[in-house]
Amino acid sequence: MKRRDLLKYVSAGTLGLGLNVHAMAGQGAGKVYGGVKKGSFAIDGNRVRFFHPGIREKFSMLMLADTHLFKDDQRGEPYRQYSGRMAKAYNQTKHFQTGEATDPETSFITTLNIAAEQNAAFVALVGDIFSFPSEAAVDWVQAQLKSAGLPYEYTAGNHDWHYEGMEGSSTNLRRTWIENRLKPMYRSADPMMSYYEVNDTCFITIDNSTYEILPEQLDFYNKKIRNGKPTILMVHIPLFAPGRSVGFGCGNPDWGAKTDKNFELERRQRWPEKGHTKTTFDFYKAVFNSENLMGILAGHIHKPSLDVINGIPQIVTDANAVGAYLQVELIPAEKTQI
């Protein structure tokens, strides 16, 4: 697929702490919900607000990604050869707002406390909560979530299930370590895709941690988005945005072996020579042609950013390893025609 075949876009640049954005997310005349365009959004630092007439009652949720917990114990001893590099990657960090010293565990606990103080409807854990699939880290997170008493949704990132240097395809390794380590995080939900609804507002979560989309995930998305309700999509790896790096890799026409610079460092199989599957490109098209999709929330790149593609904002959060998160507010909009 060539760049000119992809959807038209508007790039809103990088989302920094001082950036204030307020924009309509409608896609043009005639595409309305209850008499208005699909809604609007506003961003002030790490506070995101979505306005839509289909939202029944104001509420908030909190989204975080890339905590990169490295906690481990004797159970991880047989896997040290696979976890060593990432176990040292984020031991000490600097807070995204204050610049003061922090660490992933402190950041995670603080973020859950903020969610509780804000009476968040739920917390979204959108990938790379773990730097590798450590039993100790999974147990620790489960204990923190239980203590916080908050509903949560979880999807894996590319590091959550990856032991560096372990043989096997990303698809098989993901399946293996979700079953053997991460399974408690899902609370019986399907690890590949989930659906959550609050006040007539829908949240679809898709695991794209291999950069690719499976046929059953595409079918799930198409089925759920047809409900006509205001919807947020959450994925770990951002969807392709023109002008961005290959880290915006889901649906990126340049994604593939030629642009894979880190496979040796991360000791994994190289991305495929042929690039993305047709299913992944079909998912990309479906997402950015969804009339009731208010926005996309993602992580992975450890930098905050905003792009508006075909009228739909994609907002990427900074890493929770440095204390970052997105405070997301969902607000009813007046049903008046613009």
Protein backbone atom coordinates (compact mmCIF):
# COMPACT_ATOMS: atom_id res chain seq x y z
CA MET A 1 0.00 0.00 0.00
CA LYS A 2 1.39 3.41 -0.96
CA ARG A 3 1.16 6.58 1.03
CA ARG A 4 -1.12 8.28 -1.46
CA ASP A 5 -3.65 5.48 -0.95
CA LEU A 6 -3.99 6.23 2.74
CA LEU A 7 -6.56 8.53 4.24
CA LYS A 8 -6.15 12.29 4.25
CA TYR A 9 -4.96 13.64 7.55
CA VAL A 10 -4.37 16.73 9.61
CA SER A 11 -1.32 16.61 11.87
CA ALA A 12 -1.66 18.63 15.06
CA GLY A 13 1.99 18.27 16.03
CA THR A 14 3.46 17.22 19.34
CA LEU A 15 1.49 17.32 22.57
CA GLY A 16 3.72 18.95 25.19
CA LEU A 17 2.92 20.01 28.70
CA GLY A 18 2.21 23.56 27.56
CA LEU A 19 0.09 22.70 24.53
CA ASN A 20 -3.58 23.61 24.61
CA VAL A 21 -5.77 22.16 21.86
CA HIS A 22 -9.49 22.39 21.25
CA ALA A 23 -10.83 20.97 18.01
CA MET A 24 -13.93 19.65 16.35
CA ALA A 25 -13.68 15.99 15.50
CA GLY A 26 -16.47 15.93 12.93
CA GLN A 27 -15.77 14.62 9.45
CA GLY A 28 -17.94 16.92 7.43
CA ALA A 29 -21.48 18.03 6.79
CA GLY A 30 -24.20 15.45 7.15
CA LYS A 31 -22.34 13.15 9.55
CA VAL A 32 -24.21 13.99 12.71
CA TYR A 33 -25.26 12.48 16.01
CA GLY A 34 -28.39 13.87 17.64
CA GLY A 35 -28.24 17.00 15.50
CA VAL A 36 -24.51 17.79 15.80
CA LYS A 37 -21.25 16.54 14.38
CA LYS A 38 -19.66 13.62 16.20
CA GLY A 39 -18.27 15.85 18.93
CA SER A 40 -15.11 17.67 19.91
CA PHE A 41 -12.07 17.24 22.08
CA ALA A 42 -9.77 19.43 24.15
CA ILE A 43 -6.28 18.84 25.52
CA ASP A 44 -4.49 20.72 28.29
CA GLY A 45 -1.21 18.98 29.17
CA ASN A 46 -2.17 15.44 30.19
CA ARG A 47 -5.85 16.31 30.65
CA VAL A 48 -8.06 15.18 27.74
CA ARG A 49 -11.75 16.03 27.37
CA PHE A 50 -14.15 14.49 24.88
CA PHE A 51 -17.51 16.17 24.28
CA HIS A 52 -20.36 14.28 22.63
CA PRO A 53 -24.18 14.44 22.77
CA GLY A 54 -24.33 10.65 23.05
CA ILE A 55 -22.56 10.63 26.44
CA ARG A 56 -25.32 10.17 28.99
CA GLU A 57 -23.55 11.57 32.07
CA LYS A 58 -20.18 13.16 32.76
CA PHE A 59 -17.48 10.80 34.04
CA SER A 60 -13.73 10.30 33.89
CA MET A 61 -11.28 7.48 33.39
CA LEU A 62 -7.51 7.33 33.69
CA MET A 63 -5.22 5.80 31.08
CA LEU A 64 -1.58 4.82 31.55
CA ALA A 65 0.99 2.87 29.55
CA ASP A 66 4.68 1.96 29.67
CA THR A 67 5.26 1.62 33.41
CA HIS A 68 8.00 -0.93 32.64
CA LEU A 69 8.02 -2.64 36.01
CA PHE A 70 11.16 -4.74 36.42
CA LYS A 71 10.32 -6.40 39.75
CA ASP A 72 11.46 -10.05 39.89
CA ASP A 73 12.29 -12.79 42.39
CA GLN A 74 13.71 -16.31 42.52
CA ARG A 75 10.98 -17.55 40.19
CA GLY A 76 12.59 -15.48 37.44
CA GLU A 77 16.07 -16.95 37.93
CA PRO A 78 15.79 -19.44 35.02
CA TYR A 79 14.97 -16.52 32.69
CA ARG A 80 17.73 -14.07 33.65
CA GLN A 81 19.44 -14.52 30.28
CA TYR A 82 16.26 -13.19 28.64
CA SER A 83 15.33 -10.44 31.12
CA GLY A 84 18.72 -8.92 31.99
CA ARG A 85 18.73 -5.88 29.70
CA MET A 86 15.18 -4.75 30.41
CA ALA A 87 15.63 -5.41 34.15
CA LYS A 88 18.08 -2.49 34.16
CA ALA A 89 16.26 -0.19 31.73
CA TYR A 90 14.01 1.95 33.97
CA ASN A 91 15.28 1.51 37.52
CA GLN A 92 15.49 5.26 38.07
CA THR A 93 13.54 7.89 36.13
CA LYS A 94 12.67 11.59 36.34
CA HIS A 95 9.10 12.71 36.86
CA PHE A 96 7.48 14.05 33.69
CA GLN A 97 6.26 17.22 35.43
CA THR A 98 8.63 17.96 38.32
CA GLY A 99 11.87 16.44 37.06
CA GLU A 100 12.40 14.86 40.46
CA ALA A 101 13.75 11.32 40.82
CA THR A 102 11.16 8.55 40.73
CA ASP A 103 10.83 4.92 39.65
CA PRO A 104 8.21 2.68 38.01
CA GLU A 105 6.74 1.28 41.25
CA THR A 106 6.32 4.72 42.79
CA SER A 107 4.83 6.04 39.56
CA PHE A 108 2.30 3.19 39.33
CA ILE A 109 1.12 3.55 42.94
CA THR A 110 0.89 7.33 42.65
CA THR A 111 -1.14 7.06 39.45
CA LEU A 112 -3.62 4.65 41.03
CA ASN A 113 -3.98 7.04 43.97
CA ILE A 114 -4.74 9.88 41.56
CA ALA A 115 -7.39 7.75 39.85
CA ALA A 116 -9.00 7.01 43.21
CA GLU A 117 -8.94 10.69 44.22
CA GLN A 118 -10.59 11.62 40.93
CA ASN A 119 -13.23 8.90 41.40
CA ALA A 120 -12.33 7.50 37.98
CA ALA A 121 -14.86 5.08 36.52
CA PHE A 122 -11.99 2.76 35.62
CA VAL A 123 -8.27 2.64 34.88
CA ALA A 124 -6.97 1.58 31.47
CA LEU A 125 -3.57 -0.17 31.51
CA VAL A 126 -2.56 0.06 27.86
CA GLY A 127 0.54 -2.07 27.50
CA ASP A 128 4.14 -2.39 28.64
CA ILE A 129 3.14 -2.32 32.28
CA PHE A 130 5.91 -4.91 32.61
CA SER A 131 9.38 -4.88 31.06
CA PHE A 132 9.23 -8.67 30.75
CA PRO A 133 6.73 -11.32 31.90
CA SER A 134 7.81 -11.55 35.54
CA GLU A 135 5.59 -13.49 37.95
CA ALA A 136 6.67 -11.22 40.79
CA ALA A 137 5.68 -8.09 38.88
CA VAL A 138 2.30 -9.50 37.87
CA ASP A 139 1.60 -10.49 41.48
CA TRP A 140 2.63 -7.02 42.68
CA VAL A 141 0.37 -5.24 40.17
CA GLN A 142 -2.55 -7.48 41.06
CA ALA A 143 -2.06 -6.58 44.74
CA GLN A 144 -1.92 -2.83 43.98
CA LEU A 145 -5.08 -2.98 41.86
CA LYS A 146 -6.91 -4.94 44.55
CA SER A 147 -5.83 -2.43 47.18
CA ALA A 148 -6.96 0.52 45.02
CA GLY A 149 -10.34 -1.13 44.48
CA LEU A 150 -10.72 0.35 40.99
CA PRO A 151 -12.18 -1.38 37.93
CA TYR A 152 -9.54 -1.73 35.23
CA GLU A 153 -8.97 -2.84 31.67
CA TYR A 154 -5.62 -4.27 30.54
CA THR A 155 -4.01 -5.04 27.22
CA ALA A 156 -0.45 -6.20 26.61
CA GLY A 157 2.37 -4.23 25.06
CA ASN A 158 5.28 -5.66 23.13
CA HIS A 159 7.47 -5.91 26.27
CA ASP A 160 4.86 -7.45 28.57
CA TRP A 161 5.23 -10.89 26.97
CA HIS A 162 8.77 -10.60 25.51
CA TYR A 163 11.78 -12.42 26.94
CA GLU A 164 14.64 -11.10 24.83
CA GLY A 165 16.48 -13.80 22.92
CA MET A 166 13.88 -16.49 23.44
CA GLU A 167 13.22 -18.39 20.22
CA GLY A 168 9.86 -18.20 18.52
CA SER A 169 7.63 -15.87 16.55
CA SER A 170 6.07 -12.87 18.23
CA THR A 171 2.63 -14.42 17.75
CA ASN A 172 3.60 -17.66 19.50
CA LEU A 173 5.58 -15.96 22.26
CA ARG A 174 2.69 -13.62 22.98
CA ARG A 175 0.30 -16.56 23.24
CA THR A 176 2.69 -18.51 25.48
CA TRP A 177 3.42 -15.79 28.01
CA ILE A 178 -0.10 -14.45 28.16
CA GLU A 179 -1.13 -17.97 29.19
CA ASN A 180 1.82 -18.62 31.51
CA ARG A 181 2.27 -15.19 33.15
CA LEU A 182 -0.17 -12.44 32.19
CA LYS A 183 -3.44 -14.36 32.36
CA PRO A 184 -4.45 -13.05 35.83
CA MET A 185 -4.43 -9.50 34.43
CA TYR A 186 -7.37 -10.24 32.13
CA ARG A 187 -9.85 -11.55 34.74
CA SER A 188 -11.28 -14.05 32.20
CA ALA A 189 -11.62 -11.42 29.44
CA ASP A 190 -10.30 -12.19 25.95
CA PRO A 191 -6.64 -11.03 25.91
CA MET A 192 -6.84 -10.04 22.25
CA MET A 193 -9.85 -7.73 22.45
CA SER A 194 -12.30 -6.34 24.96
CA TYR A 195 -15.28 -4.02 25.26
CA TYR A 196 -16.25 -1.81 28.20
CA GLU A 197 -19.20 0.56 28.47
CA VAL A 198 -19.86 3.47 30.85
CA ASN A 199 -22.79 5.91 30.55
CA ASP A 200 -23.53 4.98 26.92
CA THR A 201 -19.85 5.51 26.07
CA CYS A 202 -17.91 2.54 24.71
CA PHE A 203 -14.25 1.60 25.07
CA ILE A 204 -12.78 -0.94 22.66
CA THR A 205 -9.36 -2.38 23.49
CA ILE A 206 -7.35 -4.25 20.86
CA ASP A 207 -4.01 -5.99 21.48
CA ASN A 208 -1.75 -4.84 18.63
CA SER A 209 1.48 -5.58 20.50
CA THR A 210 2.89 -7.51 17.52
CA TYR A 211 2.13 -4.41 15.36
CA GLU A 212 -0.40 -6.54 13.48
CA ILE A 213 -4.16 -7.11 13.66
CA LEU A 214 -5.75 -10.56 13.55
CA PRO A 215 -8.88 -11.28 11.47
CA GLU A 216 -10.93 -11.97 14.60
CA GLN A 217 -9.87 -8.60 16.03
CA LEU A 218 -10.98 -6.81 12.87
CA ASP A 219 -14.32 -8.63 13.01
CA PHE A 220 -14.71 -7.72 16.69
CA TYR A 221 -13.99 -4.05 16.03
CA ASN A 222 -16.39 -3.86 13.09
CA LYS A 223 -19.15 -5.49 15.12
CA LYS A 224 -18.72 -3.30 18.21
CA ILE A 225 -18.33 0.02 16.39
CA ARG A 226 -21.70 -0.51 14.67
CA ASN A 227 -23.53 0.17 17.94
CA GLY A 228 -23.56 3.86 16.99
CA LYS A 229 -22.54 5.00 20.47
CA PRO A 230 -19.62 7.37 21.14
CA THR A 231 -16.55 5.16 21.30
CA ILE A 232 -12.88 5.33 22.33
CA LEU A 233 -10.33 2.86 20.89
CA MET A 234 -7.33 1.91 23.05
CA VAL A 235 -4.22 0.24 21.61
CA HIS A 236 -0.63 0.00 22.82
CA ILE A 237 1.09 0.76 19.51
CA PRO A 238 -0.15 3.96 17.84
CA LEU A 239 -1.74 3.70 14.43
CA PHE A 240 0.15 5.12 11.46
CA ALA A 241 0.25 8.91 11.34
CA PRO A 242 1.99 10.52 8.35
CA GLY A 243 5.18 12.32 9.31
CA ARG A 244 5.67 10.24 12.45
CA SER A 245 8.32 7.59 13.12
CA VAL A 246 7.87 3.89 12.40
CA GLY A 247 6.98 3.58 16.08
CA PHE A 248 3.53 4.63 14.86
CA GLY A 249 3.67 1.21 13.39
CA CYS A 250 0.19 -0.27 13.18
CA GLY A 251 -0.88 0.29 9.59
CA ASN A 252 2.35 2.05 8.62
CA PRO A 253 3.10 1.40 4.92
CA ASP A 254 6.84 1.51 5.67
CA TRP A 255 6.70 -1.03 8.52
CA GLY A 256 8.74 -4.13 7.75
CA ALA A 257 12.21 -5.63 7.65
CA LYS A 258 13.83 -2.60 5.98
CA THR A 259 12.78 -0.24 8.78
CA ASP A 260 13.33 -2.61 11.72
CA LYS A 261 16.35 -1.09 13.46
CA ASN A 262 15.99 -2.72 16.88
CA PHE A 263 15.54 -6.44 16.26
CA GLU A 264 19.16 -7.21 17.18
CA LEU A 265 19.08 -5.05 20.32
CA GLU A 266 15.78 -6.59 21.44
CA ARG A 267 16.89 -10.06 20.30
CA ARG A 268 13.72 -10.97 18.45
CA GLN A 269 12.65 -11.98 14.98
CA ARG A 270 12.89 -9.25 12.40
CA TRP A 271 9.69 -7.70 11.11
CA PRO A 272 8.46 -9.42 7.91
CA GLU A 273 9.88 -8.50 4.52
CA LYS A 274 6.40 -7.98 3.07
CA GLY A 275 5.30 -5.61 5.82
CA HIS A 276 1.78 -5.58 7.17
CA THR A 277 -0.97 -8.04 6.41
CA LYS A 278 -4.04 -6.93 4.48
CA THR A 279 -6.06 -7.40 7.68
CA THR A 280 -3.95 -4.77 9.45
CA PHE A 281 -4.49 -2.27 6.63
CA ASP A 282 -8.21 -3.09 6.61
CA PHE A 283 -8.34 -2.39 10.34
CA TYR A 284 -6.61 0.96 9.80
CA LYS A 285 -9.18 1.93 7.18
CA ALA A 286 -12.08 0.76 9.34
CA VAL A 287 -10.88 2.78 12.33
CA PHE A 288 -10.43 6.05 10.49
CA ASN A 289 -13.75 5.70 8.73
CA SER A 290 -15.69 5.10 11.97
CA GLU A 291 -18.21 7.92 12.31
CA ASN A 292 -18.85 7.40 16.02
CA LEU A 293 -15.19 6.98 17.04
CA MET A 294 -14.30 9.95 19.27
CA GLY A 295 -10.61 9.17 19.51
CA ILE A 296 -7.73 6.72 19.96
CA LEU A 297 -5.55 6.42 23.08
CA ALA A 298 -2.12 4.78 22.77
CA GLY A 299 1.34 4.48 24.33
CA HIS A 300 4.55 2.70 23.26
CA ILE A 301 6.70 5.61 22.06
CA HIS A 302 7.32 7.21 25.49
CA LYS A 303 6.51 10.66 24.14
CA PRO A 304 3.23 12.58 24.27
CA SER A 305 1.75 13.40 20.88
CA LEU A 306 -1.43 14.30 19.06
CA ASP A 307 -2.42 13.66 15.45
CA VAL A 308 -5.85 14.18 13.88
CA ILE A 309 -6.45 11.74 11.04
CA ASN A 310 -9.62 12.00 8.97
CA GLY A 311 -11.15 14.00 11.81
CA ILE A 312 -10.27 11.47 14.52
CA PRO A 313 -7.69 12.41 17.20
CA GLN A 314 -5.01 9.94 18.23
CA ILE A 315 -3.51 10.87 21.59
CA VAL A 316 -0.35 9.17 22.81
CA THR A 317 0.71 9.36 26.45
CA ASP A 318 4.19 9.74 27.87
CA ALA A 319 5.48 6.75 29.84
CA ASN A 320 4.06 5.91 33.25
CA ALA A 321 7.65 4.97 34.19
CA VAL A 322 8.16 8.75 34.53
CA GLY A 323 4.82 9.19 36.30
CA ALA A 324 2.81 10.17 33.23
CA TYR A 325 -0.83 9.31 32.56
CA LEU A 326 -3.85 10.72 30.74
CA GLN A 327 -6.76 12.08 32.73
CA VAL A 328 -9.66 11.52 30.32
CA GLU A 329 -13.03 13.22 30.88
CA LEU A 330 -16.15 12.30 28.92
CA ILE A 331 -18.68 15.13 28.85
CA PRO A 332 -22.18 15.41 27.35
CA ALA A 333 -22.41 18.02 24.60
CA GLU A 334 -25.37 20.24 23.77
CA LYS A 335 -27.53 18.87 20.94
CA THR A 336 -27.37 21.95 18.78
CA GLN A 337 -26.47 22.08 15.11
CA ILE A 338 -23.22 23.87 14.21
